[in-house]
Amino acid sequence: MYQKLYLSLFNRVTDAIRALETEQPVLARQILIQAQQDCEELYLKQSPDDRSNGQQ
């Protein structure tokens, strides 16, 4: 599970950095907020046992 969360967040951070490099800070902020919400949702969909054991 954590690998999926990491890869998802890593890719979205990369997108946000690209937005900042093209002087689009509002887009970068939106990307980061959505990434945070998406990862939180993925995490909460896992059972408590999966979260504590670090399973995917």
C-alpha atoms as a PDB file:
ATOM      1  CA  MET A   1       0.000   0.000   0.000  1.00  0.00           C
ATOM      2  CA  TYR A   2       2.683   2.494   0.918  1.00  0.00           C
ATOM      3  CA  GLN A   3       4.475   1.992  -2.390  1.00  0.00           C
ATOM      4  CA  LYS A   4       1.290   2.972  -4.249  1.00  0.00           C
ATOM      5  CA  LEU A   5       0.856   6.049  -2.038  1.00  0.00           C
ATOM      6  CA  TYR A   6       4.503   7.028  -2.476  1.00  0.00           C
ATOM      7  CA  LEU A   7       4.461   6.696  -6.259  1.00  0.00           C
ATOM      8  CA  SER A   8       1.207   8.607  -6.544  1.00  0.00           C
ATOM      9  CA  LEU A   9       2.437  11.441  -4.356  1.00  0.00           C
ATOM     10  CA  PHE A  10       5.877  11.517  -6.017  1.00  0.00           C
ATOM     11  CA  ASN A  11       4.319  11.883  -9.476  1.00  0.00           C
ATOM     12  CA  ARG A  12       2.002  14.652  -8.345  1.00  0.00           C
ATOM     13  CA  VAL A  13       4.859  16.539  -6.662  1.00  0.00           C
ATOM     14  CA  THR A  14       6.735  16.314  -9.954  1.00  0.00           C
ATOM     15  CA  ASP A  15       3.704  17.809 -11.701  1.00  0.00           C
ATOM     16  CA  ALA A  16       3.571  20.610  -9.144  1.00  0.00           C
ATOM     17  CA  ILE A  17       7.272  21.378  -9.604  1.00  0.00           C
ATOM     18  CA  ARG A  18       6.734  21.622 -13.356  1.00  0.00           C
ATOM     19  CA  ALA A  19       3.853  24.008 -12.772  1.00  0.00           C
ATOM     20  CA  LEU A  20       6.081  26.165 -10.563  1.00  0.00           C
ATOM     21  CA  GLU A  21       8.825  26.139 -13.195  1.00  0.00           C
ATOM     22  CA  THR A  22       6.333  27.497 -15.725  1.00  0.00           C
ATOM     23  CA  GLU A  23       5.205  30.174 -13.262  1.00  0.00           C
ATOM     24  CA  GLN A  24       1.847  28.604 -12.440  1.00  0.00           C
ATOM     25  CA  PRO A  25       1.765  28.669  -8.639  1.00  0.00           C
ATOM     26  CA  VAL A  26      -2.023  28.418  -8.427  1.00  0.00           C
ATOM     27  CA  LEU A  27      -1.964  25.226 -10.505  1.00  0.00           C
ATOM     28  CA  ALA A  28       0.895  23.853  -8.389  1.00  0.00           C
ATOM     29  CA  ARG A  29      -1.138  24.476  -5.237  1.00  0.00           C
ATOM     30  CA  GLN A  30      -4.197  22.771  -6.724  1.00  0.00           C
ATOM     31  CA  ILE A  31      -2.117  19.757  -7.760  1.00  0.00           C
ATOM     32  CA  LEU A  32      -0.656  19.402  -4.273  1.00  0.00           C
ATOM     33  CA  ILE A  33      -4.014  19.755  -2.526  1.00  0.00           C
ATOM     34  CA  GLN A  34      -5.599  17.160  -4.803  1.00  0.00           C
ATOM     35  CA  ALA A  35      -2.646  14.807  -4.318  1.00  0.00           C
ATOM     36  CA  GLN A  36      -2.983  15.118  -0.552  1.00  0.00           C
ATOM     37  CA  GLN A  37      -6.700  14.383  -0.699  1.00  0.00           C
ATOM     38  CA  ASP A  38      -6.261  11.448  -3.090  1.00  0.00           C
ATOM     39  CA  CYS A  39      -3.559   9.830  -0.953  1.00  0.00           C
ATOM     40  CA  GLU A  40      -5.589  10.307   2.202  1.00  0.00           C
ATOM     41  CA  GLU A  41      -8.578   8.669   0.534  1.00  0.00           C
ATOM     42  CA  LEU A  42      -6.464   5.714  -0.646  1.00  0.00           C
ATOM     43  CA  TYR A  43      -5.055   5.318   2.851  1.00  0.00           C
ATOM     44  CA  LEU A  44      -8.448   5.415   4.524  1.00  0.00           C
ATOM     45  CA  LYS A  45      -9.862   2.820   2.107  1.00  0.00           C
ATOM     46  CA  GLN A  46      -7.371   0.273   3.445  1.00  0.00           C
ATOM     47  CA  SER A  47      -8.366  -1.885   6.366  1.00  0.00           C
ATOM     48  CA  PRO A  48      -6.727  -1.044   9.713  1.00  0.00           C
ATOM     49  CA  ASP A  49      -4.796  -4.338   9.558  1.00  0.00           C
ATOM     50  CA  ASP A  50      -3.325  -3.455   6.157  1.00  0.00           C
ATOM     51  CA  ARG A  51      -2.317  -0.016   7.409  1.00  0.00           C
ATOM     52  CA  SER A  52      -0.536  -1.345  10.494  1.00  0.00           C
ATOM     53  CA  ASN A  53       1.183  -4.190   8.640  1.00  0.00           C
ATOM     54  CA  GLY A  54       2.299  -2.030   5.723  1.00  0.00           C
ATOM     55  CA  GLN A  55       0.737  -4.413   3.215  1.00  0.00           C
ATOM     56  CA  GLN A  56      -0.470  -3.422  -0.226  1.00  0.00           C
END
